[in-house]
């Protein structure tokens, strides 16, 4: 009985069968390994925001009046122009923004130079700002910061000894 079984195995499985079986197993393993790639890419997309901020820049919050509309058009990051209500000239042109996760409303992080971040944070805190999307390969960011009003009165110190 054992000899018949041995002969059946030897007759049924030739070298070609073993090569075909090995190739099949290898193909299945490769398919499983390649199927794991999208999971790895999804993990890469959840990078820290600090990785995206270049040296000399800060990320400040930016809330736009039309933020919900813009957020539906932005997946992760974008380049926008920021306008104040009723003005034709943009406060910021080609501003790089990052869509921040928020449950209610749309909030963005604006990438700004660190030397003017305080001034821009004060300007960007206005709830009446609106945004317009540009292409990602737009030019350099330009800011039109309104100059602070100077006082009309000037205090002069006078010596009383005169």
Protein backbone atom coordinates (compact mmCIF):
# COMPACT_ATOMS: atom_id res chain seq x y z
CA UNK A 1 0.00 0.00 0.00
CA UNK A 2 2.80 2.31 0.88
CA UNK A 3 4.55 1.62 -2.40
CA UNK A 4 1.37 2.40 -4.35
CA UNK A 5 1.01 5.72 -2.53
CA UNK A 6 4.68 6.56 -3.13
CA UNK A 7 4.33 5.73 -6.82
CA UNK A 8 1.12 7.80 -7.08
CA UNK A 9 2.86 10.81 -5.52
CA UNK A 10 5.91 10.43 -7.74
CA UNK A 11 3.78 10.03 -10.86
CA UNK A 12 1.36 12.86 -10.06
CA UNK A 13 3.87 15.48 -8.85
CA UNK A 14 6.72 16.14 -11.23
CA UNK A 15 9.28 18.92 -11.02
CA UNK A 16 7.03 21.16 -13.10
CA UNK A 17 4.24 20.76 -10.55
CA UNK A 18 6.54 21.76 -7.69
CA UNK A 19 7.75 24.82 -9.63
CA UNK A 20 4.17 25.81 -10.43
CA UNK A 21 3.11 25.35 -6.79
CA UNK A 22 6.08 27.46 -5.57
CA UNK A 23 5.26 30.20 -8.07
CA UNK A 24 1.63 30.20 -6.95
CA UNK A 25 2.60 30.50 -3.27
CA UNK A 26 5.05 33.30 -4.07
CA UNK A 27 2.40 35.16 -6.07
CA UNK A 28 -0.10 34.97 -3.22
CA UNK A 29 2.50 36.24 -0.72
CA UNK A 30 3.46 39.13 -3.01
CA UNK A 31 -0.21 40.06 -3.49
CA UNK A 32 -0.71 40.18 0.26
CA UNK A 33 2.41 42.28 0.72
CA UNK A 34 1.42 44.77 -2.02
CA UNK A 35 -2.09 44.98 -0.55
CA UNK A 36 -0.52 46.33 2.66
CA UNK A 37 0.94 49.43 0.89
CA UNK A 38 -2.17 51.71 1.08
CA UNK A 39 -2.25 51.27 4.85
CA UNK A 40 1.35 52.45 5.06
CA UNK A 41 0.58 55.46 2.86
CA UNK A 42 -2.41 56.36 5.04
CA UNK A 43 -0.13 56.35 8.07
CA UNK A 44 2.26 58.73 6.31
CA UNK A 45 -0.54 61.25 5.70
CA UNK A 46 -1.06 61.65 9.44
CA UNK A 47 2.26 63.45 9.87
CA UNK A 48 2.73 66.05 12.53
CA UNK A 49 2.06 69.67 11.58
CA UNK A 50 5.46 70.65 12.97
CA UNK A 51 7.11 68.60 10.22
CA UNK A 52 5.48 70.83 7.59
CA UNK A 53 6.65 74.16 9.10
CA UNK A 54 9.94 75.43 7.66
CA UNK A 55 12.50 77.21 9.80
CA UNK A 56 11.71 80.91 10.27
CA UNK A 57 7.96 80.42 9.87
CA UNK A 58 5.04 79.94 12.24
CA UNK A 59 1.61 78.42 11.79
CA UNK A 60 -1.13 80.73 13.06
CA UNK A 61 -4.89 80.08 13.13
CA UNK A 62 -7.03 81.52 10.36
CA UNK A 63 -10.82 81.41 10.39
CA UNK A 64 -12.61 82.58 7.26
CA UNK A 65 -16.20 83.70 6.82
CA UNK A 66 -16.44 81.40 3.78
CA UNK A 67 -14.30 78.72 5.42
CA UNK A 68 -16.89 75.94 5.11
CA UNK A 69 -17.06 76.44 1.34
CA UNK A 70 -13.31 76.51 0.98
CA UNK A 71 -12.80 73.54 3.32
CA UNK A 72 -14.94 71.37 1.05
CA UNK A 73 -12.52 72.14 -1.81
CA UNK A 74 -9.32 71.54 0.17
CA UNK A 75 -8.10 68.06 1.07
CA UNK A 76 -5.07 68.92 3.18
CA UNK A 77 -3.29 72.11 2.11
CA UNK A 78 -3.85 74.94 -0.33
CA UNK A 79 -2.75 78.37 -1.47
CA UNK A 80 -5.29 81.15 -0.96
CA UNK A 81 -5.73 84.90 -1.12
CA UNK A 82 -7.23 86.51 1.99
CA UNK A 83 -9.52 89.52 1.63
CA UNK A 84 -11.12 91.78 4.19
CA UNK A 85 -14.85 92.37 3.65
CA UNK A 86 -15.46 95.22 1.21
CA UNK A 87 -11.84 95.50 0.03
CA UNK A 88 -10.57 94.67 -3.44
CA UNK A 89 -6.91 94.32 -2.51
CA UNK A 90 -5.92 91.09 -0.77
CA UNK A 91 -4.40 91.28 2.71
CA UNK A 92 -2.37 88.18 1.82
CA UNK A 93 -1.67 86.80 -1.64
CA UNK A 94 -0.48 83.21 -2.21
CA UNK A 95 -0.82 82.36 1.47
CA UNK A 96 -0.03 78.71 2.23
CA UNK A 97 -2.66 77.19 4.50
CA UNK A 98 -3.17 73.80 6.09
CA UNK A 99 -6.66 72.50 6.81
CA UNK A 100 -6.89 71.76 10.53
CA UNK A 101 -9.25 69.09 11.86
CA UNK A 102 -12.21 70.66 13.64
CA UNK A 103 -15.67 69.35 14.36
CA UNK A 104 -17.62 72.59 14.05
CA UNK A 105 -16.70 75.00 11.27
CA UNK A 106 -13.56 75.20 9.21
CA UNK A 107 -10.25 76.29 10.69
CA UNK A 108 -7.00 76.69 8.82
CA UNK A 109 -3.40 77.15 9.85
CA UNK A 110 -1.63 79.91 7.91
CA UNK A 111 2.12 79.64 7.30
CA UNK A 112 3.61 83.09 7.99
CA UNK A 113 7.09 84.50 8.60
CA UNK A 114 7.88 84.54 12.30
CA UNK A 115 8.94 88.22 12.32
CA UNK A 116 5.44 89.47 11.41
CA UNK A 117 3.40 86.64 12.93
CA UNK A 118 2.07 88.79 15.81
CA UNK A 119 0.75 91.49 13.48
CA UNK A 120 -0.77 88.91 11.13
CA UNK A 121 -2.38 87.03 14.00
CA UNK A 122 -4.13 90.23 15.03
CA UNK A 123 -5.29 90.85 11.45
CA UNK A 124 -6.33 87.22 10.87
CA UNK A 125 -8.44 87.18 14.04
CA UNK A 126 -11.12 89.22 12.25
CA UNK A 127 -14.22 87.08 11.59
CA UNK A 128 -14.98 89.02 8.39
CA UNK A 129 -12.06 87.71 6.36
CA UNK A 130 -12.79 85.78 3.19
CA UNK A 131 -10.59 83.49 1.14
CA UNK A 132 -10.15 82.60 -2.52
CA UNK A 133 -8.26 79.49 -3.65
CA UNK A 134 -5.26 79.70 -5.99
CA UNK A 135 -3.22 76.99 -7.68
CA UNK A 136 -0.60 75.25 -5.53
CA UNK A 137 2.27 76.51 -7.68
CA UNK A 138 1.40 80.20 -7.23
CA UNK A 139 4.22 82.59 -6.46
CA UNK A 140 5.70 83.88 -3.24
CA UNK A 141 3.43 84.98 -0.40
CA UNK A 142 2.87 88.76 -0.31
CA UNK A 143 1.23 90.68 2.52
CA UNK A 144 -0.54 94.06 2.33
CA UNK A 145 -0.50 94.97 5.98
CA UNK A 146 -2.33 98.21 6.78
CA UNK A 147 -0.05 100.67 8.54
CA UNK A 148 -1.08 101.62 12.07
CA UNK A 149 -2.56 105.07 12.37
CA UNK A 150 -0.29 107.56 14.03
CA UNK A 151 -1.53 109.96 16.63
CA UNK A 152 -2.43 113.46 15.47
CA UNK A 153 -1.29 114.93 18.78
CA UNK A 154 2.31 114.95 19.83
CA UNK A 155 3.46 115.48 23.39
CA UNK A 156 6.37 117.85 23.82
CA UNK A 157 8.33 118.08 27.03
CA UNK A 158 9.34 121.63 27.90
CA UNK A 159 11.82 122.51 30.59
CA UNK A 160 10.32 124.96 33.06
CA UNK A 161 13.68 126.54 33.74
CA UNK A 162 13.64 128.51 30.51
